[in-house]
Amino acid sequence: MVEFAKGYFRRSVFKTYRFLKHPRKLKRSPTMRWFARHFLNKRVWKPTQHTFAGGMAVGMFVTVQLLPIQMPSAAILAAIFRVNIPIAIALCWASNPATLVPIAWVENWVGTWVMHHFGDPTVLATAAIVKEPAAMEKGIAFAKAMFLGGIFVGGALAPISYITSYITWGALEHWNKFRKQPTLPLTMDKD
């Protein structure tokens, strides 16, 4: 039964893939061409050193944004940059309810520091809001600090995670090549 389900799933995936990449569909619709170029490219689904590191960078940037649409945002950004989509989506799960408070605290601290030292870049966007009660004003200030902190922390974590994962991938690849080399016997013959 399991083998039948696996075979049926595999056939349906290939049938859908062929349907979406059919040349007539791609000629007619620019949206389908964009979708096929970005989402049906095999490079974004099979990890290589570059696509894995890029997926880590996109995932780390999106995971600290604390938005309710993290996974779709990560998938779209990963497809646009043509990096590994599953890794980018998987890293969105790093910001779960257990890690939400520390991430929010760091984002708020960084955002408050940026606004204190460099001014508030969101002043024009929030000027249109009518004078609100003090509690709502504090909430808006907190949200602005979180937004700025998320952009700055994500912008700092993205290159760090890219470089770290790129180097780690290369080191593991080198170690696997070294490990697979045949070893010479250590016997010493005295003649």
Protein backbone atom coordinates (compact mmCIF):
# COMPACT_ATOMS: atom_id res chain seq x y z
CA MET A 1 0.00 0.00 0.00
CA VAL A 2 2.82 2.39 0.88
CA GLU A 3 4.62 1.61 -2.38
CA PHE A 4 1.43 2.31 -4.32
CA ALA A 5 1.03 5.67 -2.54
CA LYS A 6 4.68 6.57 -3.23
CA GLY A 7 4.29 5.71 -6.91
CA TYR A 8 1.03 7.65 -7.21
CA PHE A 9 2.57 10.70 -5.50
CA ARG A 10 5.64 10.54 -7.73
CA ARG A 11 3.55 10.28 -10.90
CA SER A 12 1.31 13.16 -9.85
CA VAL A 13 4.31 15.38 -9.05
CA PHE A 14 5.90 14.67 -12.44
CA LYS A 15 2.57 15.24 -14.20
CA THR A 16 2.15 18.60 -12.46
CA TYR A 17 5.76 19.55 -13.25
CA ARG A 18 5.28 18.74 -16.95
CA PHE A 19 1.99 20.65 -16.99
CA LEU A 20 3.55 23.78 -15.47
CA LYS A 21 6.64 23.69 -17.72
CA HIS A 22 4.78 23.02 -20.96
CA PRO A 23 6.14 25.36 -23.68
CA ARG A 24 2.68 26.54 -24.76
CA LYS A 25 1.87 27.65 -21.21
CA LEU A 26 5.20 29.42 -20.89
CA LYS A 27 4.72 31.23 -24.22
CA ARG A 28 1.27 32.49 -23.35
CA SER A 29 1.74 33.73 -19.82
CA PRO A 30 4.55 35.94 -18.49
CA THR A 31 3.49 34.99 -14.96
CA MET A 32 4.01 31.31 -15.71
CA ARG A 33 7.41 32.08 -17.28
CA TRP A 34 8.45 33.90 -14.09
CA PHE A 35 7.08 31.08 -11.93
CA ALA A 36 8.85 28.40 -13.97
CA ARG A 37 12.13 30.31 -14.05
CA HIS A 38 12.17 30.84 -10.27
CA PHE A 39 10.22 27.99 -8.67
CA LEU A 40 10.69 25.09 -11.10
CA ASN A 41 14.45 25.52 -11.37
CA LYS A 42 16.15 22.42 -9.95
CA ARG A 43 18.90 24.54 -8.38
CA VAL A 44 16.48 25.98 -5.82
CA TRP A 45 15.42 22.54 -4.59
CA LYS A 46 18.72 20.60 -4.54
CA PRO A 47 21.26 22.08 -2.13
CA THR A 48 24.67 23.04 -3.45
CA GLN A 49 27.27 25.04 -1.58
CA HIS A 50 26.04 28.38 -2.96
CA THR A 51 22.29 27.70 -2.86
CA PHE A 52 22.47 26.25 0.67
CA ALA A 53 24.41 29.26 1.97
CA GLY A 54 22.05 31.64 0.18
CA GLY A 55 19.03 29.84 1.63
CA MET A 56 20.56 30.20 5.09
CA ALA A 57 21.05 33.93 4.53
CA VAL A 58 17.50 34.49 3.28
CA GLY A 59 16.08 32.33 6.07
CA MET A 60 18.01 34.17 8.78
CA PHE A 61 16.94 37.55 7.41
CA VAL A 62 13.27 36.57 7.31
CA THR A 63 13.18 34.69 10.61
CA VAL A 64 14.03 37.77 12.68
CA GLN A 65 11.33 39.90 11.07
CA LEU A 66 8.60 38.37 13.30
CA LEU A 67 5.94 38.71 10.62
CA PRO A 68 2.95 36.39 10.35
CA ILE A 69 3.90 35.63 6.72
CA GLN A 70 7.46 34.45 7.24
CA MET A 71 7.33 31.22 5.23
CA PRO A 72 5.75 32.70 2.07
CA SER A 73 8.15 35.65 2.31
CA ALA A 74 11.12 33.30 2.64
CA ALA A 75 9.95 31.18 -0.30
CA ILE A 76 9.46 34.19 -2.56
CA LEU A 77 12.78 35.80 -1.60
CA ALA A 78 14.62 32.50 -2.03
CA ALA A 79 13.04 32.02 -5.45
CA ILE A 80 13.92 35.57 -6.51
CA PHE A 81 17.55 35.14 -5.44
CA ARG A 82 17.52 31.54 -6.76
CA VAL A 83 18.77 29.97 -3.56
CA ASN A 84 17.55 26.88 -1.70
CA ILE A 85 13.85 27.29 -0.93
CA PRO A 86 13.46 24.43 1.63
CA ILE A 87 16.35 25.71 3.76
CA ALA A 88 14.98 29.26 3.74
CA ILE A 89 11.54 28.01 4.79
CA ALA A 90 12.96 25.69 7.45
CA LEU A 91 14.88 28.53 9.10
CA CYS A 92 11.62 30.41 9.57
CA TRP A 93 10.82 27.89 12.28
CA ALA A 94 13.72 29.25 14.37
CA SER A 95 11.43 32.05 15.53
CA ASN A 96 8.90 30.00 17.44
CA PRO A 97 7.03 30.90 20.64
CA ALA A 98 10.00 29.82 22.76
CA THR A 99 12.46 32.12 20.95
CA LEU A 100 10.03 34.96 20.29
CA VAL A 101 10.79 36.91 23.47
CA PRO A 102 14.61 36.99 23.10
CA ILE A 103 14.35 37.89 19.41
CA ALA A 104 11.81 40.65 20.13
CA TRP A 105 13.96 42.01 22.97
CA VAL A 106 17.08 42.17 20.75
CA GLU A 107 15.13 43.76 17.89
CA ASN A 108 13.60 46.37 20.21
CA TRP A 109 16.97 47.18 21.76
CA VAL A 110 18.69 47.54 18.36
CA GLY A 111 15.81 49.55 16.89
CA THR A 112 15.72 51.91 19.87
CA TRP A 113 19.49 52.38 19.66
CA VAL A 114 19.30 53.15 15.91
CA MET A 115 16.44 55.65 16.40
CA HIS A 116 18.25 57.29 19.31
CA HIS A 117 21.56 57.72 17.46
CA PHE A 118 20.45 58.30 13.86
CA GLY A 119 16.92 59.63 14.19
CA ASP A 120 13.58 58.08 13.32
CA PRO A 121 13.35 57.26 9.59
CA THR A 122 9.67 56.32 9.94
CA VAL A 123 8.56 59.81 11.03
CA LEU A 124 6.95 60.62 7.67
CA ALA A 125 5.06 57.34 7.56
CA THR A 126 3.63 57.79 11.05
CA ALA A 127 2.91 61.52 10.69
CA ALA A 128 -0.36 60.72 8.91
CA ILE A 129 -1.70 58.96 12.01
CA VAL A 130 -3.95 61.21 14.05
CA LYS A 131 -2.97 61.95 17.64
CA GLU A 132 -3.59 58.73 19.49
CA PRO A 133 -3.81 57.84 23.18
CA ALA A 134 -0.59 57.34 25.15
CA ALA A 135 -0.92 53.54 25.22
CA MET A 136 -1.29 53.38 21.46
CA GLU A 137 1.62 55.79 21.02
CA LYS A 138 3.85 53.48 23.08
CA GLY A 139 2.72 50.52 20.99
CA ILE A 140 3.53 52.34 17.75
CA ALA A 141 6.96 53.34 19.11
CA PHE A 142 7.60 49.71 20.09
CA ALA A 143 6.50 48.49 16.64
CA LYS A 144 8.78 51.02 14.91
CA ALA A 145 11.73 49.93 17.06
CA MET A 146 10.95 46.26 16.31
CA PHE A 147 10.73 46.95 12.57
CA LEU A 148 14.03 48.85 12.44
CA GLY A 149 15.71 46.34 14.74
CA GLY A 150 14.50 43.47 12.57
CA ILE A 151 15.90 45.07 9.42
CA PHE A 152 19.28 45.78 11.05
CA VAL A 153 19.60 42.44 12.89
CA GLY A 154 18.47 40.51 9.78
CA GLY A 155 20.85 42.53 7.63
CA ALA A 156 23.70 41.65 9.99
CA LEU A 157 22.79 37.95 10.34
CA ALA A 158 22.32 37.30 6.61
CA PRO A 159 25.98 37.75 5.52
CA ILE A 160 27.25 36.08 8.69
CA SER A 161 25.09 33.00 8.09
CA TYR A 162 26.02 32.94 4.38
CA ILE A 163 29.76 33.01 5.09
CA THR A 164 29.52 30.53 7.97
CA SER A 165 27.44 27.99 6.07
CA TYR A 166 29.51 28.38 2.89
CA ILE A 167 32.75 27.71 4.78
CA THR A 168 31.19 24.85 6.77
CA TRP A 169 29.89 23.21 3.57
CA GLY A 170 33.37 23.44 2.02
CA ALA A 171 35.05 22.07 5.14
CA LEU A 172 32.63 19.13 5.37
CA GLU A 173 33.08 18.39 1.67
CA HIS A 174 36.87 18.42 2.10
CA TRP A 175 36.62 16.22 5.19
CA ASN A 176 34.43 13.69 3.35
CA LYS A 177 36.95 13.50 0.48
CA PHE A 178 39.78 13.02 2.98
CA ARG A 179 37.82 10.37 4.87
CA LYS A 180 37.10 8.35 1.72
CA GLN A 181 40.76 8.13 0.69
CA PRO A 182 42.26 4.68 1.11
CA THR A 183 44.61 4.30 4.03
CA LEU A 184 48.01 2.72 3.78
CA PRO A 185 48.84 -0.18 6.06
CA LEU A 186 51.07 0.74 8.96
CA THR A 187 53.11 -2.47 9.02
CA MET A 188 56.84 -2.20 9.00
CA ASP A 189 58.68 -5.06 7.37
CA LYS A 190 62.23 -5.60 8.63
CA ASP A 191 64.29 -7.44 6.09
